[in-house]
Amino acid sequence: MKNNNFSLYSINSNDSSKINPKQVKVVKINDETSIINRSFKIMLFRANILLTSNDIHKYSFTDLISIDPQYIFLQKVIKQSKEVVQEELTNAFKFFKEQFGISLEQFKPKDQKFYYHSHSFFGFFVNPSINYHTISITDSNTSSIVDGIVSDGGFVFIVGEPGLIAYGKYGGTNGRLIQAGSIIKWGYYKLSGKSFQPSKIIHYRTKHPYLPNNNHIIDVFDFSSKLWGKSSINFIHLSLNNQNNLLLQNTLIFHSSS
């Protein structure tokens, strides 16, 4: 499938400096013993978010990210060539069509995003300034406290007003309403820092559209596309200090793997 609207732009290599997180001094987990290489059950991520409002329920997904119209995250962080990024787009198009009945070919470029009516699709990466990092990784036998860096990015679809009737595997032949503001993501986590040498790359895709702060289901793969399992993710508000600093915790609980 050729996606003319989504072809890569020229890249300014200097832009990559915006998405290189600082290293954190932590204890190294060797590949031979690291439980991330096993069938783990729980992974915890945490971030610190500076809010623009003292109402913790008003924060938006777009407050946490930068728009990435040149897909620099995939090329500079995940180390994909332009050709591979184009393949990612093709695979994402196929997934959105099969899972939700959404035809991304209809979307047209505007202001660094792609739109169809009020719905948007665009490249993104989570801002390093929120200090997104791992806390712990646990399987049935072992629990390990880690402090690795989490880089997160890829493609995101945001449902506009008044919502969207989805078909495909999610909505079936009768269709199913997706609420306005809901998010569907296709992307990667990269775990790096001294706890993760070499770094670990995890592919994910949203199976159930979700509103920020709500649970949702994703498929989680390793870099070679081996399915690890389905995971429910929870965004939990833990605290808000006087500087409008929100502590957000992201819990991946794996129910099965294959």
C-alpha atoms as a PDB file:
ATOM      1  CA  MET A   1       0.000   0.000   0.000  1.00  0.00           C
ATOM      2  CA  LYS A   2       1.404   3.393  -0.966  1.00  0.00           C
ATOM      3  CA  ASN A   3       0.510   6.247   1.398  1.00  0.00           C
ATOM      4  CA  ASN A   4       1.271   9.424  -0.554  1.00  0.00           C
ATOM      5  CA  ASN A   5      -0.021  11.784   2.112  1.00  0.00           C
ATOM      6  CA  PHE A   6       2.234  10.235   4.724  1.00  0.00           C
ATOM      7  CA  SER A   7       5.582  10.167   2.934  1.00  0.00           C
ATOM      8  CA  LEU A   8       8.591  11.278   4.976  1.00  0.00           C
ATOM      9  CA  TYR A   9       9.736  14.870   5.087  1.00  0.00           C
ATOM     10  CA  SER A  10      13.388  15.859   4.934  1.00  0.00           C
ATOM     11  CA  ILE A  11      15.078  15.589   8.326  1.00  0.00           C
ATOM     12  CA  ASN A  12      17.101  18.145  10.175  1.00  0.00           C
ATOM     13  CA  SER A  13      19.544  16.048  12.174  1.00  0.00           C
ATOM     14  CA  ASN A  14      19.839  18.769  14.808  1.00  0.00           C
ATOM     15  CA  ASP A  15      16.216  18.149  15.827  1.00  0.00           C
ATOM     16  CA  SER A  16      17.153  14.787  17.338  1.00  0.00           C
ATOM     17  CA  SER A  17      18.764  16.539  20.303  1.00  0.00           C
ATOM     18  CA  LYS A  18      15.291  17.323  21.622  1.00  0.00           C
ATOM     19  CA  ILE A  19      14.537  13.679  22.248  1.00  0.00           C
ATOM     20  CA  ASN A  20      17.764  12.436  23.812  1.00  0.00           C
ATOM     21  CA  PRO A  21      17.025  11.896  27.546  1.00  0.00           C
ATOM     22  CA  LYS A  22      19.713  12.289  30.188  1.00  0.00           C
ATOM     23  CA  GLN A  23      21.307   9.147  31.549  1.00  0.00           C
ATOM     24  CA  VAL A  24      20.354   7.962  35.028  1.00  0.00           C
ATOM     25  CA  LYS A  25      22.845   6.176  37.283  1.00  0.00           C
ATOM     26  CA  VAL A  26      21.306   2.832  38.226  1.00  0.00           C
ATOM     27  CA  VAL A  27      22.354  -0.748  38.811  1.00  0.00           C
ATOM     28  CA  LYS A  28      22.864  -2.705  35.587  1.00  0.00           C
ATOM     29  CA  ILE A  29      20.740  -5.795  34.962  1.00  0.00           C
ATOM     30  CA  ASN A  30      22.625  -8.287  32.796  1.00  0.00           C
ATOM     31  CA  ASP A  31      20.851  -9.793  29.792  1.00  0.00           C
ATOM     32  CA  GLU A  32      21.431 -13.307  31.120  1.00  0.00           C
ATOM     33  CA  THR A  33      19.577 -12.606  34.360  1.00  0.00           C
ATOM     34  CA  SER A  34      17.240  -9.765  33.448  1.00  0.00           C
ATOM     35  CA  ILE A  35      13.612 -10.685  34.001  1.00  0.00           C
ATOM     36  CA  ILE A  36      12.585  -8.467  31.103  1.00  0.00           C
ATOM     37  CA  ASN A  37      13.793 -11.324  28.905  1.00  0.00           C
ATOM     38  CA  ARG A  38      11.370 -13.703  30.600  1.00  0.00           C
ATOM     39  CA  SER A  39       7.568 -13.833  30.604  1.00  0.00           C
ATOM     40  CA  PHE A  40       7.104 -11.043  33.129  1.00  0.00           C
ATOM     41  CA  LYS A  41       3.733 -10.089  34.573  1.00  0.00           C
ATOM     42  CA  ILE A  42       4.000  -6.498  35.749  1.00  0.00           C
ATOM     43  CA  MET A  43       5.987  -3.449  34.667  1.00  0.00           C
ATOM     44  CA  LEU A  44       5.652  -0.045  36.292  1.00  0.00           C
ATOM     45  CA  PHE A  45       6.454   3.274  34.597  1.00  0.00           C
ATOM     46  CA  ARG A  46       6.275   6.659  36.306  1.00  0.00           C
ATOM     47  CA  ALA A  47       6.381  10.271  35.122  1.00  0.00           C
ATOM     48  CA  ASN A  48       6.271  13.772  36.620  1.00  0.00           C
ATOM     49  CA  ILE A  49       4.034  16.179  34.727  1.00  0.00           C
ATOM     50  CA  LEU A  50       3.865  19.955  35.121  1.00  0.00           C
ATOM     51  CA  LEU A  51       0.206  20.859  34.640  1.00  0.00           C
ATOM     52  CA  THR A  52      -1.178  24.110  33.299  1.00  0.00           C
ATOM     53  CA  SER A  53      -4.178  23.805  35.618  1.00  0.00           C
ATOM     54  CA  ASN A  54      -4.512  22.863  39.277  1.00  0.00           C
ATOM     55  CA  ASP A  55      -7.319  20.480  38.273  1.00  0.00           C
ATOM     56  CA  ILE A  56      -5.626  17.111  37.791  1.00  0.00           C
ATOM     57  CA  HIS A  57      -8.528  15.888  35.664  1.00  0.00           C
ATOM     58  CA  LYS A  58      -7.950  18.541  32.997  1.00  0.00           C
ATOM     59  CA  TYR A  59      -4.595  17.350  31.750  1.00  0.00           C
ATOM     60  CA  SER A  60      -4.540  16.226  28.141  1.00  0.00           C
ATOM     61  CA  PHE A  61      -2.527  13.607  26.281  1.00  0.00           C
ATOM     62  CA  THR A  62      -1.303  16.408  24.049  1.00  0.00           C
ATOM     63  CA  ASP A  63       0.235  18.094  27.119  1.00  0.00           C
ATOM     64  CA  LEU A  64       2.603  15.137  27.439  1.00  0.00           C
ATOM     65  CA  ILE A  65       3.836  14.878  23.869  1.00  0.00           C
ATOM     66  CA  SER A  66       5.501  16.670  20.983  1.00  0.00           C
ATOM     67  CA  ILE A  67       4.209  16.352  17.436  1.00  0.00           C
ATOM     68  CA  ASP A  68       6.719  14.511  15.259  1.00  0.00           C
ATOM     69  CA  PRO A  69       5.779  15.143  11.598  1.00  0.00           C
ATOM     70  CA  GLN A  70       9.155  13.912  10.318  1.00  0.00           C
ATOM     71  CA  TYR A  71       9.017  10.720  12.435  1.00  0.00           C
ATOM     72  CA  ILE A  72      12.357  11.545  14.036  1.00  0.00           C
ATOM     73  CA  PHE A  73      11.567   9.332  17.039  1.00  0.00           C
ATOM     74  CA  LEU A  74      11.327   6.210  14.894  1.00  0.00           C
ATOM     75  CA  GLN A  75      14.473   7.099  12.952  1.00  0.00           C
ATOM     76  CA  LYS A  76      16.742   8.456  15.697  1.00  0.00           C
ATOM     77  CA  VAL A  77      15.537   6.586  18.800  1.00  0.00           C
ATOM     78  CA  ILE A  78      14.211   3.297  17.393  1.00  0.00           C
ATOM     79  CA  LYS A  79      16.881   3.417  14.627  1.00  0.00           C
ATOM     80  CA  GLN A  80      14.574   2.755  11.707  1.00  0.00           C
ATOM     81  CA  SER A  81      15.476   3.780   8.177  1.00  0.00           C
ATOM     82  CA  LYS A  82      13.097   5.935   6.141  1.00  0.00           C
ATOM     83  CA  GLU A  83      12.083   2.835   4.217  1.00  0.00           C
ATOM     84  CA  VAL A  84      11.246   0.947   7.420  1.00  0.00           C
ATOM     85  CA  VAL A  85       9.227   3.907   8.724  1.00  0.00           C
ATOM     86  CA  GLN A  86       7.206   3.809   5.504  1.00  0.00           C
ATOM     87  CA  GLU A  87       6.592   0.103   6.176  1.00  0.00           C
ATOM     88  CA  GLU A  88       5.466   1.029   9.710  1.00  0.00           C
ATOM     89  CA  LEU A  89       2.922   3.429   8.238  1.00  0.00           C
ATOM     90  CA  THR A  90       1.663   0.759   5.860  1.00  0.00           C
ATOM     91  CA  ASN A  91       1.306  -1.714   8.732  1.00  0.00           C
ATOM     92  CA  ALA A  92      -0.413   0.901  10.883  1.00  0.00           C
ATOM     93  CA  PHE A  93      -2.841   1.666   8.049  1.00  0.00           C
ATOM     94  CA  LYS A  94      -3.664  -2.034   7.772  1.00  0.00           C
ATOM     95  CA  PHE A  95      -4.148  -2.363  11.544  1.00  0.00           C
ATOM     96  CA  PHE A  96      -6.491   0.645  11.782  1.00  0.00           C
ATOM     97  CA  LYS A  97      -8.541  -0.701   8.884  1.00  0.00           C
ATOM     98  CA  GLU A  98      -8.793  -4.269  10.201  1.00  0.00           C
ATOM     99  CA  GLN A  99      -9.244  -3.416  13.876  1.00  0.00           C
ATOM    100  CA  PHE A 100     -11.489  -0.328  13.656  1.00  0.00           C
ATOM    101  CA  GLY A 101     -12.596   0.016  10.042  1.00  0.00           C
ATOM    102  CA  ILE A 102     -10.758   3.361   9.816  1.00  0.00           C
ATOM    103  CA  SER A 103      -9.351   4.266   6.381  1.00  0.00           C
ATOM    104  CA  LEU A 104      -6.402   6.565   7.016  1.00  0.00           C
ATOM    105  CA  GLU A 105      -5.972   7.134   3.263  1.00  0.00           C
ATOM    106  CA  GLN A 106      -8.806   9.674   3.510  1.00  0.00           C
ATOM    107  CA  PHE A 107      -6.828  11.920   5.870  1.00  0.00           C
ATOM    108  CA  LYS A 108      -5.252  15.120   4.510  1.00  0.00           C
ATOM    109  CA  PRO A 109      -2.234  17.030   5.871  1.00  0.00           C
ATOM    110  CA  LYS A 110      -2.720  20.254   7.836  1.00  0.00           C
ATOM    111  CA  ASP A 111      -0.537  21.922  10.501  1.00  0.00           C
ATOM    112  CA  GLN A 112       1.856  18.947  10.937  1.00  0.00           C
ATOM    113  CA  LYS A 113      -1.046  16.504  11.422  1.00  0.00           C
ATOM    114  CA  PHE A 114      -3.442  14.621   9.155  1.00  0.00           C
ATOM    115  CA  TYR A 115      -7.172  15.252   9.430  1.00  0.00           C
ATOM    116  CA  TYR A 116     -10.447  13.764   8.330  1.00  0.00           C
ATOM    117  CA  HIS A 117     -13.250  16.011   9.581  1.00  0.00           C
ATOM    118  CA  SER A 118     -12.418  16.475  13.297  1.00  0.00           C
ATOM    119  CA  HIS A 119     -10.301  13.311  13.645  1.00  0.00           C
ATOM    120  CA  SER A 120      -6.505  13.556  13.612  1.00  0.00           C
ATOM    121  CA  PHE A 121      -3.571  11.220  13.024  1.00  0.00           C
ATOM    122  CA  PHE A 122       0.074  12.200  13.522  1.00  0.00           C
ATOM    123  CA  GLY A 123       3.541  11.170  14.615  1.00  0.00           C
ATOM    124  CA  PHE A 124       4.431  11.853  18.247  1.00  0.00           C
ATOM    125  CA  PHE A 125       6.914  11.267  21.043  1.00  0.00           C
ATOM    126  CA  VAL A 126       6.447  11.686  24.789  1.00  0.00           C
ATOM    127  CA  ASN A 127       8.382  14.682  26.092  1.00  0.00           C
ATOM    128  CA  PRO A 128      11.557  13.676  27.995  1.00  0.00           C
ATOM    129  CA  SER A 129      10.866  16.551  30.411  1.00  0.00           C
ATOM    130  CA  ILE A 130       8.230  14.451  32.225  1.00  0.00           C
ATOM    131  CA  ASN A 131      10.997  12.107  33.418  1.00  0.00           C
ATOM    132  CA  TYR A 132       9.296   8.959  32.173  1.00  0.00           C
ATOM    133  CA  HIS A 133      11.125   6.030  33.767  1.00  0.00           C
ATOM    134  CA  THR A 134      10.772   2.454  34.941  1.00  0.00           C
ATOM    135  CA  ILE A 135      10.219   1.703  38.611  1.00  0.00           C
ATOM    136  CA  SER A 136      10.057  -2.068  38.791  1.00  0.00           C
ATOM    137  CA  ILE A 137       9.683  -5.211  36.706  1.00  0.00           C
ATOM    138  CA  THR A 138       8.094  -8.291  38.245  1.00  0.00           C
ATOM    139  CA  ASP A 139       7.410 -11.841  37.128  1.00  0.00           C
ATOM    140  CA  SER A 140       6.102 -14.847  39.021  1.00  0.00           C
ATOM    141  CA  ASN A 141       9.510 -15.538  40.541  1.00  0.00           C
ATOM    142  CA  THR A 142      11.377 -12.256  40.743  1.00  0.00           C
ATOM    143  CA  SER A 143      10.830  -8.592  41.488  1.00  0.00           C
ATOM    144  CA  SER A 144      13.460  -6.038  40.513  1.00  0.00           C
ATOM    145  CA  ILE A 145      13.651  -2.333  41.298  1.00  0.00           C
ATOM    146  CA  VAL A 146      14.979  -0.487  38.260  1.00  0.00           C
ATOM    147  CA  ASP A 147      15.347   3.136  37.216  1.00  0.00           C
ATOM    148  CA  GLY A 148      15.626   3.040  33.455  1.00  0.00           C
ATOM    149  CA  ILE A 149      14.626   5.696  30.956  1.00  0.00           C
ATOM    150  CA  VAL A 150      11.401   5.185  28.991  1.00  0.00           C
ATOM    151  CA  SER A 151      11.194   6.720  25.510  1.00  0.00           C
ATOM    152  CA  ASP A 152       7.738   6.472  23.953  1.00  0.00           C
ATOM    153  CA  GLY A 153       6.618   7.444  20.466  1.00  0.00           C
ATOM    154  CA  GLY A 154       5.107   6.441  17.154  1.00  0.00           C
ATOM    155  CA  PHE A 155       1.715   7.276  15.626  1.00  0.00           C
ATOM    156  CA  VAL A 156      -1.462   8.359  17.386  1.00  0.00           C
ATOM    157  CA  PHE A 157      -5.083   8.723  16.290  1.00  0.00           C
ATOM    158  CA  ILE A 158      -7.278  11.113  18.305  1.00  0.00           C
ATOM    159  CA  VAL A 159     -11.046  10.892  17.849  1.00  0.00           C
ATOM    160  CA  GLY A 160     -12.714  14.262  17.338  1.00  0.00           C
ATOM    161  CA  GLU A 161     -16.265  15.478  18.020  1.00  0.00           C
ATOM    162  CA  PRO A 162     -18.890  14.055  18.001  1.00  0.00           C
ATOM    163  CA  GLY A 163     -17.133  10.682  18.165  1.00  0.00           C
ATOM    164  CA  LEU A 164     -16.663   7.918  15.624  1.00  0.00           C
ATOM    165  CA  ILE A 165     -18.515   4.731  14.715  1.00  0.00           C
ATOM    166  CA  ALA A 166     -15.883   2.017  14.433  1.00  0.00           C
ATOM    167  CA  TYR A 167     -16.268  -1.239  12.575  1.00  0.00           C
ATOM    168  CA  GLY A 168     -13.682  -3.940  11.930  1.00  0.00           C
ATOM    169  CA  LYS A 169     -12.789  -6.387  14.683  1.00  0.00           C
ATOM    170  CA  TYR A 170     -13.564  -3.800  17.362  1.00  0.00           C
ATOM    171  CA  GLY A 171     -16.984  -2.610  16.179  1.00  0.00           C
ATOM    172  CA  GLY A 172     -18.208  -5.543  14.130  1.00  0.00           C
ATOM    173  CA  THR A 173     -20.774  -5.233  11.359  1.00  0.00           C
ATOM    174  CA  ASN A 174     -23.137  -3.110  13.483  1.00  0.00           C
ATOM    175  CA  GLY A 175     -20.506  -0.578  14.518  1.00  0.00           C
ATOM    176  CA  ARG A 176     -19.465   0.690  17.933  1.00  0.00           C
ATOM    177  CA  LEU A 177     -19.193   4.278  19.133  1.00  0.00           C
ATOM    178  CA  ILE A 178     -15.764   5.601  20.096  1.00  0.00           C
ATOM    179  CA  GLN A 179     -16.072   8.681  22.302  1.00  0.00           C
ATOM    180  CA  ALA A 180     -14.571  11.996  21.234  1.00  0.00           C
ATOM    181  CA  GLY A 181     -11.170  12.505  22.818  1.00  0.00           C
ATOM    182  CA  SER A 182     -10.354   8.799  22.729  1.00  0.00           C
ATOM    183  CA  ILE A 183      -6.846   7.743  21.721  1.00  0.00           C
ATOM    184  CA  ILE A 184      -5.493   4.903  19.589  1.00  0.00           C
ATOM    185  CA  LYS A 185      -1.711   4.446  19.464  1.00  0.00           C
ATOM    186  CA  TRP A 186       0.774   2.450  17.400  1.00  0.00           C
ATOM    187  CA  GLY A 187       4.243   2.863  18.758  1.00  0.00           C
ATOM    188  CA  TYR A 188       7.283   1.776  20.683  1.00  0.00           C
ATOM    189  CA  TYR A 189       8.725   1.900  24.163  1.00  0.00           C
ATOM    190  CA  LYS A 190      12.497   2.035  24.319  1.00  0.00           C
ATOM    191  CA  LEU A 191      13.962   1.178  27.739  1.00  0.00           C
ATOM    192  CA  SER A 192      17.483   2.508  28.163  1.00  0.00           C
ATOM    193  CA  GLY A 193      19.971   3.675  30.766  1.00  0.00           C
ATOM    194  CA  LYS A 194      22.403   1.589  32.780  1.00  0.00           C
ATOM    195  CA  SER A 195      19.717  -0.907  33.820  1.00  0.00           C
ATOM    196  CA  PHE A 196      19.047  -1.750  30.196  1.00  0.00           C
ATOM    197  CA  GLN A 197      22.253  -2.385  28.268  1.00  0.00           C
ATOM    198  CA  PRO A 198      21.692  -3.006  25.494  1.00  0.00           C
ATOM    199  CA  SER A 199      18.447  -1.075  25.367  1.00  0.00           C
ATOM    200  CA  LYS A 200      15.127  -2.921  25.047  1.00  0.00           C
ATOM    201  CA  ILE A 201      12.581  -2.025  22.366  1.00  0.00           C
ATOM    202  CA  ILE A 202       8.922  -2.949  22.839  1.00  0.00           C
ATOM    203  CA  HIS A 203       6.267  -2.526  20.167  1.00  0.00           C
ATOM    204  CA  TYR A 204       2.656  -1.879  21.190  1.00  0.00           C
ATOM    205  CA  ARG A 205      -0.674  -1.122  19.566  1.00  0.00           C
ATOM    206  CA  THR A 206      -3.966  -0.106  21.152  1.00  0.00           C
ATOM    207  CA  LYS A 207      -6.699  -2.736  20.894  1.00  0.00           C
ATOM    208  CA  HIS A 208      -9.411  -0.701  22.665  1.00  0.00           C
ATOM    209  CA  PRO A 209      -9.626   3.106  22.215  1.00  0.00           C
ATOM    210  CA  TYR A 210      -9.349   4.899  25.537  1.00  0.00           C
ATOM    211  CA  LEU A 211      -9.848   8.248  27.168  1.00  0.00           C
ATOM    212  CA  PRO A 212      -6.896   9.562  29.215  1.00  0.00           C
ATOM    213  CA  ASN A 213      -6.979   8.216  32.801  1.00  0.00           C
ATOM    214  CA  ASN A 214      -9.008   5.157  31.796  1.00  0.00           C
ATOM    215  CA  ASN A 215      -7.888   1.541  31.539  1.00  0.00           C
ATOM    216  CA  HIS A 216      -7.365   0.088  28.096  1.00  0.00           C
ATOM    217  CA  ILE A 217      -6.006  -2.991  26.388  1.00  0.00           C
ATOM    218  CA  ILE A 218      -2.916  -3.161  24.187  1.00  0.00           C
ATOM    219  CA  ASP A 219      -1.008  -5.891  22.392  1.00  0.00           C
ATOM    220  CA  VAL A 220       2.673  -5.854  23.372  1.00  0.00           C
ATOM    221  CA  PHE A 221       5.438  -7.214  21.139  1.00  0.00           C
ATOM    222  CA  ASP A 222       9.197  -7.336  21.287  1.00  0.00           C
ATOM    223  CA  PHE A 223      11.211  -5.789  18.468  1.00  0.00           C
ATOM    224  CA  SER A 224      11.067  -8.996  16.416  1.00  0.00           C
ATOM    225  CA  SER A 225       7.241  -8.901  16.648  1.00  0.00           C
ATOM    226  CA  LYS A 226       6.912 -11.876  18.990  1.00  0.00           C
ATOM    227  CA  LEU A 227       3.702 -11.385  20.965  1.00  0.00           C
ATOM    228  CA  TRP A 228       4.449 -11.058  24.690  1.00  0.00           C
ATOM    229  CA  GLY A 229       0.828 -10.777  25.720  1.00  0.00           C
ATOM    230  CA  LYS A 230      -2.129  -8.503  26.241  1.00  0.00           C
ATOM    231  CA  SER A 231      -1.769  -5.819  28.875  1.00  0.00           C
ATOM    232  CA  SER A 232      -4.136  -3.492  30.676  1.00  0.00           C
ATOM    233  CA  ILE A 233      -2.674  -0.077  31.367  1.00  0.00           C
ATOM    234  CA  ASN A 234      -3.758   2.188  34.188  1.00  0.00           C
ATOM    235  CA  PHE A 235      -3.012   5.900  34.463  1.00  0.00           C
ATOM    236  CA  ILE A 236      -3.100   6.615  38.188  1.00  0.00           C
ATOM    237  CA  HIS A 237      -3.009  10.069  39.783  1.00  0.00           C
ATOM    238  CA  LEU A 238      -0.852   9.695  42.866  1.00  0.00           C
ATOM    239  CA  SER A 239      -0.171  13.256  44.003  1.00  0.00           C
ATOM    240  CA  LEU A 240      -0.282  16.914  43.054  1.00  0.00           C
ATOM    241  CA  ASN A 241       2.070  19.371  44.725  1.00  0.00           C
ATOM    242  CA  ASN A 242       1.897  23.159  45.042  1.00  0.00           C
ATOM    243  CA  GLN A 243       3.743  23.585  41.744  1.00  0.00           C
ATOM    244  CA  ASN A 244       0.996  21.753  39.823  1.00  0.00           C
ATOM    245  CA  ASN A 245       3.315  18.759  39.464  1.00  0.00           C
ATOM    246  CA  LEU A 246       1.392  15.546  38.823  1.00  0.00           C
ATOM    247  CA  LEU A 247       2.881  12.134  39.528  1.00  0.00           C
ATOM    248  CA  LEU A 248       1.563   9.672  36.928  1.00  0.00           C
ATOM    249  CA  GLN A 249       2.040   5.930  37.115  1.00  0.00           C
ATOM    250  CA  ASN A 250       1.617   3.608  34.144  1.00  0.00           C
ATOM    251  CA  THR A 251       1.117  -0.055  35.078  1.00  0.00           C
ATOM    252  CA  LEU A 252       1.448  -2.793  32.468  1.00  0.00           C
ATOM    253  CA  ILE A 253      -0.157  -5.978  33.795  1.00  0.00           C
ATOM    254  CA  PHE A 254       0.328  -8.906  31.434  1.00  0.00           C
ATOM    255  CA  HIS A 255      -2.491 -11.437  31.565  1.00  0.00           C
ATOM    256  CA  SER A 256      -0.989 -13.909  29.123  1.00  0.00           C
ATOM    257  CA  SER A 257       1.863 -14.400  26.702  1.00  0.00           C
ATOM    258  CA  SER A 258       2.703 -16.618  23.793  1.00  0.00           C
END
